[in-house]
Amino acid sequence: MKLNKLPVFAVSATLWFAACSDENNAVANLEGYATSPEELISGNEIPTNDIPDTQNSGTEYPGHQNSGTQVPGNQLPDSGLSSASSEFPGGELGGNDIFSSSSAIPGNPPNPNPGNESGDDENDNDDARTLNGTQILLKLSGTSATVENNNGCVEVTDKVATITCPGAYYVTGESTDFQVVVNTPGTDNEGNTGIYLYNATLKSSNSPILVKNADKTVIHLVKGTTNVVEDGNGNHVFTKVNGAQDTSKAAIYSRDDLNIKGAGSLTVTANFKNGIQSSNDLKIKNGDITIVAADDGIRGKGSLHISGGTLNITANNGNGLKSDECEENPDGSFKDTVANKGFVKISGGNLTIKGRKSGIKAANYIDISDSTEPSTIKIESSNKGISAEKFLYINGGTIDVKSDSSALRTNWQVYMNGGDVTISTKKKGIHADSALYLRGSTINIVTAFEGMEAFKIFAEGGVTSVFATNDGWNGGGGPKNNSSSMAMFSESSGYITISGGYHYISAKGDMIDVLDANGTAKMTGGVLILEITGQSYENQGGMGMGMGMGWGPGQQGGNCGAYNFAGGLIDTDDGFSITGGVLLAFGNFSTDTPSCASQTYNSSNYYGSDKAAFKPTYQGNYILYGGDVNSVSQVNTAGMQELKFPNGVSYMYR
């Protein structure tokens, strides 16, 4: 338990996404952003009726909203949450709307019409090609190249081949210092430019592939081919269309839209900065891609969408994947933040990411889901795992995050709608400054300092397990206006409501709270299992005062001796109420004490009622209970059904 409830801010003090600056040196504009929970939303309330999420998983399992399985506590009442897809999630934010109500749902932009000038076919996943002597072919050799079947649009001068009109261009051979530039300005040159890598090793002291100006460039990894791109470690200076000098910041660098696809392989070594970068929209459809970058692995400033392939990314000093909400005008000037930009969308593929900073980072939102190909994401990060400035949607996928800082984090809202998520972190498992919605994900927080934390937590579905060394769940705000942050009895804010799903929360350590709300907490449905899994500070004497302060109107807790001033199983500032569901809590101390039984328990047997029972992982003398459980004792579970939480512990029901 923490005696000081520190404020939670809706916007990071550093505002890392300094808008429209490749070098991130712009001055952040705080206007329109909340800087405290009180300023976050008008009326100091997180909206609960007009925050539709993106699509919910259709997976049927216990605790899911659509599941027909009837388990004690799994009835999900109508929350009043809108499912209208025409409104931007979180759009009703006290006048601080980022997008108009007519904006498309984040993560669901319309598909552009694919161009044919480059031979690009969005439905061709393989890009199987055979050289038959008719293709425009750029043959690399050392510091030079020759062109076969030149259509008049390829100019080779001084270690550079410049493509000046749309079309399909094949690249093969090996260079030691040579660059391919795409520069197709003007309305007469609208259309896709296709670069087909056909067993090409392209090395350059600058960016080996540089797109200065094009409608859209598609890099094809021809099926069965192996391709290598490597840049030098010095500044990559080039002249923009407007004549100004600029620096290309990646081994593959595009100032316009860039697509990468094909069943070949690509290895990118970025010695200067980033591996692959587009100043606008970047899409990766498939391919076997390995990137080792000095800074960021893949960066789509306008947006980044990965829908398939196998990607292995090492970002030695940066982020694995990044989008930072900026687009550039054709003349080279920067636009302001753009509606429906600055997002990372992953809808398929097998991704392994190692980053010194965040594994995945976006200035707007991150959307992870499954499509025709499932998403599998493994992240190891020295900082945050998955970090979005505004919204984070987990709609599917299998996600494994190991991070030194928060594993999943956003300054606004997190929607856990589906997918399987495993987290190991030294700090917070899932953090949202505003609201966290648990709706359909299977979540296993193996270890964390704090498991889940948000200003308001809405547990409506899903199956979750948490082990923490401080707070398991924390509905945390801060001292209200005119209250000292050092005051032991300060007013504070924060809210937890549990209406559905299956949730196991455990903690072990000094000053712990298994379930902590800086304001109020209530339970109307679902299954909630709480456990103190070992010796903890308060359990050895602590600050226990034996005071029964109650657990609801007219109720007094502590009758079996489990009450403790310093926290423990349940700790709220303004009370905890229960009107439905199943509550079983195992531990010897708690601030809020519901019905309490003096019952010695151990890790060999199940305890609860004939309707709901749990096998604890530790031993103790007191069990708290409530909802559909009217009394507790040791239970014979013969004939009962089993639900295993993601960490392997069992809940039995009938």
Foldseek 3Di string as FASTA:
>chain_A
DDLFFDFFFLFDPVLQLQWFDPVSPHDDDCPLGTGGCPQFAPVSDQDQQEFADPDFDPDEDQFFQPHPDDAFFFDFDDSNHDNDQQAEGPQRGHPSGPDDSRDGHFPDDDDDDAFPQAPDDPPDQAQADDDDQCAFEWEEDEQFTDTGNDPVQWDTDGQETEGAAAHHYEYAYEYAAHAYEYHHDDPVRAHEHEYEYAQYEFEHQAQRYEYQDYNEYEYEDHHPHEYEFEYRQDWRWDAHPLRDIDTAAESHEYLYHYEYHHAHAYEFEANHAEHHEYLAEYEYEEHAYEYEGQEEHYEYQFEYEYEEYEYEAEGPHYEDYFYSQWHADNSGHTDGGDPSGFEYEYAAYEYEAEYQEEHYETAAEYAYHYDPHAYEYEYEYAYEYHEYAEEYEYNEHEYEYEYAYEHAEYSAEYEDREYEYEYEYAAEDHEYAAEYEAHAYAYEDPEHQEYYEYCEYEYRGYFYEAEHAAEPYEQGRRADPPFDSSDSLGQGGGEYEHRTYEYEFEYEEELHARAEGAAEYEYEGYAYEYEHQDDYDVNVPNQADQAFPEADPPGTDSPVPAEGCRAYHYYYSHHYYYAAYKYKYDDRYGNYAADKDQAWAAQPFWKFDLFKTWRGNGIDGMMGIDHPTDDMYTDDQVPWDWDARPVGTIMTGD
